[in-house]
Amino acid sequence: MRYISVTWQRIRDLYAGRYDPESLRVLAYSYWEFLLAVVCISIIGIAVFGFYIFSGVIHNLNAPFRARSATPDATLNRAQLDETLNAFIAREAAFNAAKSAPPSATDPSK
């Protein structure tokens, strides 16, 4: 516990004398070491988390396949499919007709 209080005291003294070049150098060095420690801990944490997720996926590959439901999905009805295709063909024809004969618009600058 004494180590922590002594460290806090030194940090406070360094910060109080941050305008002194000697204190500024030590403060900058301490800040740089702190940033390096944070980056290293972050990289290690990301690697451990990635390994955890990857191992979970690998273990799930061996699991048996589970279907969503016991009954198969309904098959397509030929009449509904033809009706839908005819509606799309009609929309395409209407689009091509509108594209070939654009509406006339008056020039707003005149």
PDB file of N, CA and C in Angstrom:
ATOM      1  N   MET A   1       0.826  -1.188   0.000  1.00  0.00           N
ATOM      2  CA  MET A   1       0.000   0.000   0.000  1.00  0.00           C
ATOM      3  C   MET A   1       0.870   1.252   0.000  1.00  0.00           C
ATOM      4  N   ARG A   2       2.017   1.168   0.653  1.00  0.00           N
ATOM      5  CA  ARG A   2       2.924   2.309   0.711  1.00  0.00           C
ATOM      6  C   ARG A   2       3.456   2.635  -0.677  1.00  0.00           C
ATOM      7  N   TYR A   3       3.682   1.595  -1.492  1.00  0.00           N
ATOM      8  CA  TYR A   3       4.194   1.802  -2.849  1.00  0.00           C
ATOM      9  C   TYR A   3       3.223   2.639  -3.671  1.00  0.00           C
ATOM     10  N   ILE A   4       1.916   2.360  -3.522  1.00  0.00           N
ATOM     11  CA  ILE A   4       0.904   3.102  -4.277  1.00  0.00           C
ATOM     12  C   ILE A   4       0.858   4.552  -3.829  1.00  0.00           C
ATOM     13  N   SER A   5       0.904   4.809  -2.530  1.00  0.00           N
ATOM     14  CA  SER A   5       0.850   6.191  -2.058  1.00  0.00           C
ATOM     15  C   SER A   5       2.111   6.962  -2.455  1.00  0.00           C
ATOM     16  N   VAL A   6       3.269   6.310  -2.427  1.00  0.00           N
ATOM     17  CA  VAL A   6       4.510   6.970  -2.852  1.00  0.00           C
ATOM     18  C   VAL A   6       4.453   7.273  -4.349  1.00  0.00           C
ATOM     19  N   THR A   7       3.916   6.335  -5.130  1.00  0.00           N
ATOM     20  CA  THR A   7       3.797   6.549  -6.575  1.00  0.00           C
ATOM     21  C   THR A   7       2.863   7.708  -6.858  1.00  0.00           C
ATOM     22  N   TRP A   8       1.727   7.775  -6.167  1.00  0.00           N
ATOM     23  CA  TRP A   8       0.791   8.892  -6.355  1.00  0.00           C
ATOM     24  C   TRP A   8       1.468  10.210  -5.998  1.00  0.00           C
ATOM     25  N   GLN A   9       2.208  10.213  -4.932  1.00  0.00           N
ATOM     26  CA  GLN A   9       2.900  11.433  -4.501  1.00  0.00           C
ATOM     27  C   GLN A   9       3.898  11.874  -5.567  1.00  0.00           C
ATOM     28  N   ARG A  10       4.641  10.944  -6.139  1.00  0.00           N
ATOM     29  CA  ARG A  10       5.605  11.295  -7.183  1.00  0.00           C
ATOM     30  C   ARG A  10       4.904  11.826  -8.429  1.00  0.00           C
ATOM     31  N   ILE A  11       3.802  11.206  -8.785  1.00  0.00           N
ATOM     32  CA  ILE A  11       3.050  11.675  -9.957  1.00  0.00           C
ATOM     33  C   ILE A  11       2.513  13.079  -9.709  1.00  0.00           C
ATOM     34  N   ARG A  12       1.984  13.329  -8.523  1.00  0.00           N
ATOM     35  CA  ARG A  12       1.494  14.672  -8.202  1.00  0.00           C
ATOM     36  C   ARG A  12       2.620  15.698  -8.244  1.00  0.00           C
ATOM     37  N   ASP A  13       3.778  15.337  -7.715  1.00  0.00           N
ATOM     38  CA  ASP A  13       4.920  16.259  -7.743  1.00  0.00           C
ATOM     39  C   ASP A  13       5.372  16.537  -9.174  1.00  0.00           C
ATOM     40  N   LEU A  14       5.403  15.497 -10.007  1.00  0.00           N
ATOM     41  CA  LEU A  14       5.786  15.688 -11.403  1.00  0.00           C
ATOM     42  C   LEU A  14       4.783  16.570 -12.133  1.00  0.00           C
ATOM     43  N   TYR A  15       3.501  16.342 -11.888  1.00  0.00           N
ATOM     44  CA  TYR A  15       2.479  17.137 -12.566  1.00  0.00           C
ATOM     45  C   TYR A  15       2.502  18.581 -12.076  1.00  0.00           C
ATOM     46  N   ALA A  16       2.777  18.776 -10.799  1.00  0.00           N
ATOM     47  CA  ALA A  16       2.851  20.146 -10.278  1.00  0.00           C
ATOM     48  C   ALA A  16       4.028  20.901 -10.893  1.00  0.00           C
ATOM     49  N   GLY A  17       5.106  20.201 -11.182  1.00  0.00           N
ATOM     50  CA  GLY A  17       6.269  20.843 -11.778  1.00  0.00           C
ATOM     51  C   GLY A  17       6.379  20.569 -13.263  1.00  0.00           C
ATOM     52  N   ARG A  18       5.252  20.482 -13.959  1.00  0.00           N
ATOM     53  CA  ARG A  18       5.266  20.122 -15.375  1.00  0.00           C
ATOM     54  C   ARG A  18       5.901  21.189 -16.265  1.00  0.00           C
ATOM     55  N   TYR A  19       6.095  22.396 -15.745  1.00  0.00           N
ATOM     56  CA  TYR A  19       6.734  23.444 -16.535  1.00  0.00           C
ATOM     57  C   TYR A  19       8.256  23.379 -16.424  1.00  0.00           C
ATOM     58  N   ASP A  20       8.749  22.583 -15.505  1.00  0.00           N
ATOM     59  CA  ASP A  20      10.185  22.376 -15.360  1.00  0.00           C
ATOM     60  C   ASP A  20      10.626  21.340 -16.403  1.00  0.00           C
ATOM     61  N   PRO A  21      11.662  21.625 -17.215  1.00  0.00           N
ATOM     62  CA  PRO A  21      12.060  20.681 -18.277  1.00  0.00           C
ATOM     63  C   PRO A  21      12.412  19.286 -17.762  1.00  0.00           C
ATOM     64  N   GLU A  22      13.023  19.180 -16.589  1.00  0.00           N
ATOM     65  CA  GLU A  22      13.363  17.861 -16.063  1.00  0.00           C
ATOM     66  C   GLU A  22      12.105  17.071 -15.711  1.00  0.00           C
ATOM     67  N   SER A  23      11.145  17.732 -15.117  1.00  0.00           N
ATOM     68  CA  SER A  23       9.896  17.056 -14.761  1.00  0.00           C
ATOM     69  C   SER A  23       9.089  16.728 -16.011  1.00  0.00           C
ATOM     70  N   LEU A  24       9.152  17.609 -16.994  1.00  0.00           N
ATOM     71  CA  LEU A  24       8.399  17.375 -18.227  1.00  0.00           C
ATOM     72  C   LEU A  24       8.908  16.142 -18.957  1.00  0.00           C
ATOM     73  N   ARG A  25      10.204  15.951 -18.970  1.00  0.00           N
ATOM     74  CA  ARG A  25      10.776  14.784 -19.635  1.00  0.00           C
ATOM     75  C   ARG A  25      10.316  13.504 -18.941  1.00  0.00           C
ATOM     76  N   VAL A  26      10.351  13.474 -17.633  1.00  0.00           N
ATOM     77  CA  VAL A  26       9.926  12.284 -16.889  1.00  0.00           C
ATOM     78  C   VAL A  26       8.423  12.059 -17.068  1.00  0.00           C
ATOM     79  N   LEU A  27       7.655  13.136 -17.066  1.00  0.00           N
ATOM     80  CA  LEU A  27       6.213  13.023 -17.238  1.00  0.00           C
ATOM     81  C   LEU A  27       5.876  12.497 -18.639  1.00  0.00           C
ATOM     82  N   ALA A  28       6.568  13.000 -19.660  1.00  0.00           N
ATOM     83  CA  ALA A  28       6.336  12.526 -21.026  1.00  0.00           C
ATOM     84  C   ALA A  28       6.718  11.054 -21.167  1.00  0.00           C
ATOM     85  N   TYR A  29       7.829  10.656 -20.560  1.00  0.00           N
ATOM     86  CA  TYR A  29       8.261   9.267 -20.606  1.00  0.00           C
ATOM     87  C   TYR A  29       7.244   8.363 -19.909  1.00  0.00           C
ATOM     88  N   SER A  30       6.732   8.806 -18.780  1.00  0.00           N
ATOM     89  CA  SER A  30       5.725   8.024 -18.050  1.00  0.00           C
ATOM     90  C   SER A  30       4.444   7.908 -18.866  1.00  0.00           C
ATOM     91  N   TYR A  31       4.048   9.000 -19.518  1.00  0.00           N
ATOM     92  CA  TYR A  31       2.850   8.985 -20.362  1.00  0.00           C
ATOM     93  C   TYR A  31       3.034   8.015 -21.523  1.00  0.00           C
ATOM     94  N   TRP A  32       4.218   8.022 -22.152  1.00  0.00           N
ATOM     95  CA  TRP A  32       4.500   7.118 -23.257  1.00  0.00           C
ATOM     96  C   TRP A  32       4.441   5.659 -22.800  1.00  0.00           C
ATOM     97  N   GLU A  33       5.016   5.355 -21.650  1.00  0.00           N
ATOM     98  CA  GLU A  33       4.959   3.990 -21.132  1.00  0.00           C
ATOM     99  C   GLU A  33       3.525   3.568 -20.830  1.00  0.00           C
ATOM    100  N   PHE A  34       2.732   4.485 -20.307  1.00  0.00           N
ATOM    101  CA  PHE A  34       1.331   4.191 -20.028  1.00  0.00           C
ATOM    102  C   PHE A  34       0.587   3.872 -21.323  1.00  0.00           C
ATOM    103  N   LEU A  35       0.815   4.662 -22.369  1.00  0.00           N
ATOM    104  CA  LEU A  35       0.147   4.401 -23.647  1.00  0.00           C
ATOM    105  C   LEU A  35       0.570   3.057 -24.232  1.00  0.00           C
ATOM    106  N   LEU A  36       1.856   2.749 -24.153  1.00  0.00           N
ATOM    107  CA  LEU A  36       2.320   1.452 -24.648  1.00  0.00           C
ATOM    108  C   LEU A  36       1.689   0.299 -23.874  1.00  0.00           C
ATOM    109  N   ALA A  37       1.564   0.446 -22.571  1.00  0.00           N
ATOM    110  CA  ALA A  37       0.945  -0.604 -21.755  1.00  0.00           C
ATOM    111  C   ALA A  37      -0.518  -0.791 -22.138  1.00  0.00           C
ATOM    112  N   VAL A  38      -1.242   0.310 -22.353  1.00  0.00           N
ATOM    113  CA  VAL A  38      -2.652   0.222 -22.734  1.00  0.00           C
ATOM    114  C   VAL A  38      -2.794  -0.468 -24.089  1.00  0.00           C
ATOM    115  N   VAL A  39      -1.935  -0.118 -25.043  1.00  0.00           N
ATOM    116  CA  VAL A  39      -2.002  -0.736 -26.366  1.00  0.00           C
ATOM    117  C   VAL A  39      -1.679  -2.225 -26.281  1.00  0.00           C
ATOM    118  N   CYS A  40      -0.667  -2.587 -25.529  1.00  0.00           N
ATOM    119  CA  CYS A  40      -0.311  -4.011 -25.393  1.00  0.00           C
ATOM    120  C   CYS A  40      -1.438  -4.802 -24.738  1.00  0.00           C
ATOM    121  N   ILE A  41      -2.021  -4.263 -23.693  1.00  0.00           N
ATOM    122  CA  ILE A  41      -3.136  -4.945 -23.030  1.00  0.00           C
ATOM    123  C   ILE A  41      -4.322  -5.067 -23.978  1.00  0.00           C
ATOM    124  N   SER A  42      -4.584  -4.022 -24.783  1.00  0.00           N
ATOM    125  CA  SER A  42      -5.683  -4.074 -25.748  1.00  0.00           C
ATOM    126  C   SER A  42      -5.443  -5.151 -26.797  1.00  0.00           C
ATOM    127  N   ILE A  43      -4.221  -5.224 -27.311  1.00  0.00           N
ATOM    128  CA  ILE A  43      -3.910  -6.232 -28.331  1.00  0.00           C
ATOM    129  C   ILE A  43      -4.054  -7.635 -27.758  1.00  0.00           C
ATOM    130  N   ILE A  44      -3.576  -7.837 -26.562  1.00  0.00           N
ATOM    131  CA  ILE A  44      -3.709  -9.159 -25.929  1.00  0.00           C
ATOM    132  C   ILE A  44      -5.185  -9.489 -25.703  1.00  0.00           C
ATOM    133  N   GLY A  45      -5.963  -8.512 -25.249  1.00  0.00           N
ATOM    134  CA  GLY A  45      -7.392  -8.739 -25.031  1.00  0.00           C
ATOM    135  C   GLY A  45      -8.126  -9.056 -26.322  1.00  0.00           C
ATOM    136  N   ILE A  46      -7.796  -8.351 -27.392  1.00  0.00           N
ATOM    137  CA  ILE A  46      -8.438  -8.614 -28.683  1.00  0.00           C
ATOM    138  C   ILE A  46      -8.073 -10.001 -29.186  1.00  0.00           C
ATOM    139  N   ALA A  47      -6.812 -10.392 -29.026  1.00  0.00           N
ATOM    140  CA  ALA A  47      -6.389 -11.723 -29.470  1.00  0.00           C
ATOM    141  C   ALA A  47      -7.085 -12.818 -28.670  1.00  0.00           C
ATOM    142  N   VAL A  48      -7.215 -12.642 -27.362  1.00  0.00           N
ATOM    143  CA  VAL A  48      -7.892 -13.648 -26.532  1.00  0.00           C
ATOM    144  C   VAL A  48      -9.368 -13.729 -26.901  1.00  0.00           C
ATOM    145  N   PHE A  49     -10.004 -12.588 -27.108  1.00  0.00           N
ATOM    146  CA  PHE A  49     -11.417 -12.590 -27.488  1.00  0.00           C
ATOM    147  C   PHE A  49     -11.612 -13.242 -28.862  1.00  0.00           C
ATOM    148  N   GLY A  50     -10.729 -12.936 -29.817  1.00  0.00           N
ATOM    149  CA  GLY A  50     -10.814 -13.557 -31.137  1.00  0.00           C
ATOM    150  C   GLY A  50     -10.634 -15.057 -31.072  1.00  0.00           C
ATOM    151  N   PHE A  51      -9.685 -15.518 -30.257  1.00  0.00           N
ATOM    152  CA  PHE A  51      -9.487 -16.955 -30.095  1.00  0.00           C
ATOM    153  C   PHE A  51     -10.720 -17.602 -29.460  1.00  0.00           C
ATOM    154  N   TYR A  52     -11.332 -16.928 -28.509  1.00  0.00           N
ATOM    155  CA  TYR A  52     -12.538 -17.447 -27.858  1.00  0.00           C
ATOM    156  C   TYR A  52     -13.678 -17.599 -28.877  1.00  0.00           C
ATOM    157  N   ILE A  53     -13.900 -16.577 -29.692  1.00  0.00           N
ATOM    158  CA  ILE A  53     -14.962 -16.646 -30.701  1.00  0.00           C
ATOM    159  C   ILE A  53     -14.641 -17.712 -31.743  1.00  0.00           C
ATOM    160  N   PHE A  54     -13.384 -17.762 -32.179  1.00  0.00           N
ATOM    161  CA  PHE A  54     -12.980 -18.742 -33.189  1.00  0.00           C
ATOM    162  C   PHE A  54     -13.157 -20.169 -32.670  1.00  0.00           C
ATOM    163  N   SER A  55     -12.770 -20.410 -31.428  1.00  0.00           N
ATOM    164  CA  SER A  55     -12.922 -21.764 -30.887  1.00  0.00           C
ATOM    165  C   SER A  55     -14.398 -22.123 -30.729  1.00  0.00           C
ATOM    166  N   GLY A  56     -15.235 -21.148 -30.430  1.00  0.00           N
ATOM    167  CA  GLY A  56     -16.672 -21.417 -30.348  1.00  0.00           C
ATOM    168  C   GLY A  56     -17.244 -21.817 -31.696  1.00  0.00           C
ATOM    169  N   VAL A  57     -16.776 -21.173 -32.764  1.00  0.00           N
ATOM    170  CA  VAL A  57     -17.243 -21.524 -34.110  1.00  0.00           C
ATOM    171  C   VAL A  57     -16.752 -22.915 -34.492  1.00  0.00           C
ATOM    172  N   ILE A  58     -15.495 -23.206 -34.183  1.00  0.00           N
ATOM    173  CA  ILE A  58     -14.944 -24.520 -34.508  1.00  0.00           C
ATOM    174  C   ILE A  58     -15.697 -25.630 -33.771  1.00  0.00           C
ATOM    175  N   HIS A  59     -16.031 -25.408 -32.501  1.00  0.00           N
ATOM    176  CA  HIS A  59     -16.768 -26.425 -31.749  1.00  0.00           C
ATOM    177  C   HIS A  59     -18.194 -26.570 -32.273  1.00  0.00           C
ATOM    178  N   ASN A  60     -18.761 -25.511 -32.804  1.00  0.00           N
ATOM    179  CA  ASN A  60     -20.124 -25.577 -33.334  1.00  0.00           C
ATOM    180  C   ASN A  60     -20.176 -26.300 -34.668  1.00  0.00           C
ATOM    181  N   LEU A  61     -19.067 -26.375 -35.391  1.00  0.00           N
ATOM    182  CA  LEU A  61     -19.073 -27.080 -36.676  1.00  0.00           C
ATOM    183  C   LEU A  61     -19.354 -28.564 -36.492  1.00  0.00           C
ATOM    184  N   ASN A  62     -18.965 -29.120 -35.370  1.00  0.00           N
ATOM    185  CA  ASN A  62     -19.181 -30.539 -35.108  1.00  0.00           C
ATOM    186  C   ASN A  62     -20.575 -30.838 -34.576  1.00  0.00           C
ATOM    187  N   ALA A  63     -21.350 -29.803 -34.267  1.00  0.00           N
ATOM    188  CA  ALA A  63     -22.696 -30.010 -33.727  1.00  0.00           C
ATOM    189  C   ALA A  63     -23.612 -30.514 -34.839  1.00  0.00           C
ATOM    190  N   PRO A  64     -24.594 -31.325 -34.493  1.00  0.00           N
ATOM    191  CA  PRO A  64     -25.520 -31.809 -35.525  1.00  0.00           C
ATOM    192  C   PRO A  64     -26.396 -30.675 -36.043  1.00  0.00           C
ATOM    193  N   PHE A  65     -26.801 -30.812 -37.304  1.00  0.00           N
ATOM    194  CA  PHE A  65     -27.656 -29.792 -37.928  1.00  0.00           C
ATOM    195  C   PHE A  65     -29.054 -29.868 -37.338  1.00  0.00           C
ATOM    196  N   ARG A  66     -29.586 -28.719 -36.980  1.00  0.00           N
ATOM    197  CA  ARG A  66     -30.945 -28.663 -36.434  1.00  0.00           C
ATOM    198  C   ARG A  66     -31.831 -27.896 -37.409  1.00  0.00           C
ATOM    199  N   ALA A  67     -32.882 -28.538 -37.860  1.00  0.00           N
ATOM    200  CA  ALA A  67     -33.814 -27.890 -38.776  1.00  0.00           C
ATOM    201  C   ALA A  67     -34.694 -26.922 -37.996  1.00  0.00           C
ATOM    202  N   ARG A  68     -35.181 -25.901 -38.703  1.00  0.00           N
ATOM    203  CA  ARG A  68     -36.034 -24.913 -38.046  1.00  0.00           C
ATOM    204  C   ARG A  68     -37.389 -25.503 -37.680  1.00  0.00           C
ATOM    205  N   SER A  69     -37.940 -26.284 -38.569  1.00  0.00           N
ATOM    206  CA  SER A  69     -39.245 -26.885 -38.290  1.00  0.00           C
ATOM    207  C   SER A  69     -39.277 -28.291 -38.893  1.00  0.00           C
ATOM    208  N   ALA A  70     -40.193 -29.077 -38.388  1.00  0.00           N
ATOM    209  CA  ALA A  70     -40.305 -30.456 -38.863  1.00  0.00           C
ATOM    210  C   ALA A  70     -41.013 -30.512 -40.214  1.00  0.00           C
ATOM    211  N   THR A  71     -41.902 -29.551 -40.504  1.00  0.00           N
ATOM    212  CA  THR A  71     -42.639 -29.551 -41.764  1.00  0.00           C
ATOM    213  C   THR A  71     -41.865 -28.752 -42.805  1.00  0.00           C
ATOM    214  N   PRO A  72     -41.814 -29.230 -44.027  1.00  0.00           N
ATOM    215  CA  PRO A  72     -41.113 -28.485 -45.074  1.00  0.00           C
ATOM    216  C   PRO A  72     -41.899 -27.233 -45.470  1.00  0.00           C
ATOM    217  N   ASP A  73     -41.190 -26.271 -46.061  1.00  0.00           N
ATOM    218  CA  ASP A  73     -41.850 -25.052 -46.518  1.00  0.00           C
ATOM    219  C   ASP A  73     -42.817 -25.377 -47.652  1.00  0.00           C
ATOM    220  N   ALA A  74     -43.819 -24.519 -47.803  1.00  0.00           N
ATOM    221  CA  ALA A  74     -44.815 -24.725 -48.854  1.00  0.00           C
ATOM    222  C   ALA A  74     -44.156 -24.556 -50.217  1.00  0.00           C
ATOM    223  N   THR A  75     -44.569 -25.392 -51.168  1.00  0.00           N
ATOM    224  CA  THR A  75     -44.009 -25.301 -52.515  1.00  0.00           C
ATOM    225  C   THR A  75     -44.665 -24.156 -53.259  1.00  0.00           C
ATOM    226  N   LEU A  76     -44.006 -23.737 -54.322  1.00  0.00           N
ATOM    227  CA  LEU A  76     -44.543 -22.642 -55.115  1.00  0.00           C
ATOM    228  C   LEU A  76     -45.761 -23.103 -55.907  1.00  0.00           C
ATOM    229  N   ASN A  77     -46.733 -22.224 -55.997  1.00  0.00           N
ATOM    230  CA  ASN A  77     -47.925 -22.478 -56.783  1.00  0.00           C
ATOM    231  C   ASN A  77     -47.679 -21.913 -58.179  1.00  0.00           C
ATOM    232  N   ARG A  78     -47.893 -22.698 -59.226  1.00  0.00           N
ATOM    233  CA  ARG A  78     -47.601 -22.272 -60.601  1.00  0.00           C
ATOM    234  C   ARG A  78     -48.463 -21.073 -61.007  1.00  0.00           C
ATOM    235  N   ALA A  79     -49.702 -21.026 -60.587  1.00  0.00           N
ATOM    236  CA  ALA A  79     -50.590 -19.914 -60.953  1.00  0.00           C
ATOM    237  C   ALA A  79     -50.115 -18.614 -60.301  1.00  0.00           C
ATOM    238  N   GLN A  80     -49.704 -18.662 -59.042  1.00  0.00           N
ATOM    239  CA  GLN A  80     -49.210 -17.458 -58.375  1.00  0.00           C
ATOM    240  C   GLN A  80     -47.914 -16.972 -59.008  1.00  0.00           C
ATOM    241  N   LEU A  81     -47.068 -17.904 -59.403  1.00  0.00           N
ATOM    242  CA  LEU A  81     -45.816 -17.535 -60.051  1.00  0.00           C
ATOM    243  C   LEU A  81     -46.074 -16.863 -61.401  1.00  0.00           C
ATOM    244  N   ASP A  82     -46.982 -17.414 -62.187  1.00  0.00           N
ATOM    245  CA  ASP A  82     -47.319 -16.795 -63.480  1.00  0.00           C
ATOM    246  C   ASP A  82     -47.929 -15.417 -63.280  1.00  0.00           C
ATOM    247  N   GLU A  83     -48.778 -15.273 -62.276  1.00  0.00           N
ATOM    248  CA  GLU A  83     -49.410 -13.977 -61.994  1.00  0.00           C
ATOM    249  C   GLU A  83     -48.360 -12.925 -61.618  1.00  0.00           C
ATOM    250  N   THR A  84     -47.400 -13.309 -60.811  1.00  0.00           N
ATOM    251  CA  THR A  84     -46.342 -12.390 -60.402  1.00  0.00           C
ATOM    252  C   THR A  84     -45.466 -12.006 -61.587  1.00  0.00           C
ATOM    253  N   LEU A  85     -45.117 -12.993 -62.423  1.00  0.00           N
ATOM    254  CA  LEU A  85     -44.307 -12.700 -63.609  1.00  0.00           C
ATOM    255  C   LEU A  85     -45.039 -11.775 -64.571  1.00  0.00           C
ATOM    256  N   ASN A  86     -46.327 -11.976 -64.760  1.00  0.00           N
ATOM    257  CA  ASN A  86     -47.120 -11.092 -65.640  1.00  0.00           C
ATOM    258  C   ASN A  86     -47.175  -9.673 -65.086  1.00  0.00           C
ATOM    259  N   ALA A  87     -47.242  -9.535 -63.757  1.00  0.00           N
ATOM    260  CA  ALA A  87     -47.257  -8.197 -63.161  1.00  0.00           C
ATOM    261  C   ALA A  87     -45.925  -7.491 -63.409  1.00  0.00           C
ATOM    262  N   PHE A  88     -44.819  -8.214 -63.319  1.00  0.00           N
ATOM    263  CA  PHE A  88     -43.517  -7.605 -63.598  1.00  0.00           C
ATOM    264  C   PHE A  88     -43.366  -7.243 -65.070  1.00  0.00           C
ATOM    265  N   ILE A  89     -43.888  -8.072 -65.955  1.00  0.00           N
ATOM    266  CA  ILE A  89     -43.832  -7.774 -67.392  1.00  0.00           C
ATOM    267  C   ILE A  89     -44.655  -6.531 -67.695  1.00  0.00           C
ATOM    268  N   ALA A  90     -45.809  -6.385 -67.045  1.00  0.00           N
ATOM    269  CA  ALA A  90     -46.646  -5.200 -67.245  1.00  0.00           C
ATOM    270  C   ALA A  90     -45.943  -3.945 -66.717  1.00  0.00           C
ATOM    271  N   ARG A  91     -45.279  -4.044 -65.603  1.00  0.00           N
ATOM    272  CA  ARG A  91     -44.539  -2.892 -65.069  1.00  0.00           C
ATOM    273  C   ARG A  91     -43.399  -2.502 -65.995  1.00  0.00           C
ATOM    274  N   GLU A  92     -42.714  -3.500 -66.567  1.00  0.00           N
ATOM    275  CA  GLU A  92     -41.632  -3.202 -67.492  1.00  0.00           C
ATOM    276  C   GLU A  92     -42.157  -2.513 -68.740  1.00  0.00           C
ATOM    277  N   ALA A  93     -43.274  -2.965 -69.239  1.00  0.00           N
ATOM    278  CA  ALA A  93     -43.866  -2.344 -70.427  1.00  0.00           C
ATOM    279  C   ALA A  93     -44.277  -0.907 -70.120  1.00  0.00           C
ATOM    280  N   ALA A  94     -44.860  -0.657 -68.961  1.00  0.00           N
ATOM    281  CA  ALA A  94     -45.258   0.702 -68.586  1.00  0.00           C
ATOM    282  C   ALA A  94     -44.024   1.600 -68.431  1.00  0.00           C
ATOM    283  N   PHE A  95     -42.962   1.067 -67.892  1.00  0.00           N
ATOM    284  CA  PHE A  95     -41.725   1.850 -67.741  1.00  0.00           C
ATOM    285  C   PHE A  95     -41.131   2.192 -69.099  1.00  0.00           C
ATOM    286  N   ASN A  96     -41.092   1.212 -70.004  1.00  0.00           N
ATOM    287  CA  ASN A  96     -40.538   1.469 -71.338  1.00  0.00           C
ATOM    288  C   ASN A  96     -41.386   2.478 -72.092  1.00  0.00           C
ATOM    289  N   ALA A  97     -42.723   2.435 -71.923  1.00  0.00           N
ATOM    290  CA  ALA A  97     -43.605   3.404 -72.584  1.00  0.00           C
ATOM    291  C   ALA A  97     -43.366   4.803 -72.022  1.00  0.00           C
ATOM    292  N   ALA A  98     -43.198   4.921 -70.736  1.00  0.00           N
ATOM    293  CA  ALA A  98     -42.949   6.232 -70.129  1.00  0.00           C
ATOM    294  C   ALA A  98     -41.568   6.752 -70.513  1.00  0.00           C
ATOM    295  N   LYS A  99     -40.608   5.856 -70.687  1.00  0.00           N
ATOM    296  CA  LYS A  99     -39.255   6.263 -71.049  1.00  0.00           C
ATOM    297  C   LYS A  99     -39.198   6.726 -72.507  1.00  0.00           C
ATOM    298  N   SER A 100     -39.959   6.095 -73.376  1.00  0.00           N
ATOM    299  CA  SER A 100     -39.904   6.454 -74.799  1.00  0.00           C
ATOM    300  C   SER A 100     -40.656   7.744 -75.100  1.00  0.00           C
ATOM    301  N   ALA A 101     -41.642   8.114 -74.312  1.00  0.00           N
ATOM    302  CA  ALA A 101     -42.410   9.341 -74.538  1.00  0.00           C
ATOM    303  C   ALA A 101     -42.398  10.165 -73.266  1.00  0.00           C
ATOM    304  N   PRO A 102     -41.291  10.901 -73.019  1.00  0.00           N
ATOM    305  CA  PRO A 102     -41.252  11.705 -71.798  1.00  0.00           C
ATOM    306  C   PRO A 102     -42.269  12.850 -71.832  1.00  0.00           C
ATOM    307  N   PRO A 103     -42.794  13.250 -70.708  1.00  0.00           N
ATOM    308  CA  PRO A 103     -43.777  14.340 -70.704  1.00  0.00           C
ATOM    309  C   PRO A 103     -43.091  15.654 -71.074  1.00  0.00           C
ATOM    310  N   SER A 104     -43.855  16.483 -71.768  1.00  0.00           N
ATOM    311  CA  SER A 104     -43.287  17.776 -72.160  1.00  0.00           C
ATOM    312  C   SER A 104     -43.413  18.751 -70.985  1.00  0.00           C
ATOM    313  N   ALA A 105     -42.320  19.419 -70.711  1.00  0.00           N
ATOM    314  CA  ALA A 105     -42.296  20.388 -69.615  1.00  0.00           C
ATOM    315  C   ALA A 105     -41.840  21.728 -70.175  1.00  0.00           C
ATOM    316  N   THR A 106     -42.472  22.777 -69.713  1.00  0.00           N
ATOM    317  CA  THR A 106     -42.086  24.111 -70.182  1.00  0.00           C
ATOM    318  C   THR A 106     -40.787  24.535 -69.512  1.00  0.00           C
ATOM    319  N   ASP A 107     -40.029  25.355 -70.198  1.00  0.00           N
ATOM    320  CA  ASP A 107     -38.757  25.836 -69.682  1.00  0.00           C
ATOM    321  C   ASP A 107     -39.043  26.888 -68.630  1.00  0.00           C
ATOM    322  N   PRO A 108     -38.642  26.703 -67.372  1.00  0.00           N
ATOM    323  CA  PRO A 108     -38.958  27.662 -66.319  1.00  0.00           C
ATOM    324  C   PRO A 108     -38.149  28.964 -66.438  1.00  0.00           C
ATOM    325  N   SER A 109     -37.100  28.977 -67.254  1.00  0.00           N
ATOM    326  CA  SER A 109     -36.303  30.203 -67.351  1.00  0.00           C
ATOM    327  C   SER A 109     -36.904  31.205 -68.312  1.00  0.00           C
ATOM    328  N   LYS A 110     -37.911  30.798 -69.079  1.00  0.00           N
ATOM    329  CA  LYS A 110     -38.529  31.727 -70.049  1.00  0.00           C
ATOM    330  C   LYS A 110     -39.820  32.289 -69.548  1.00  0.00           C
TER     331      LYS A 110
END
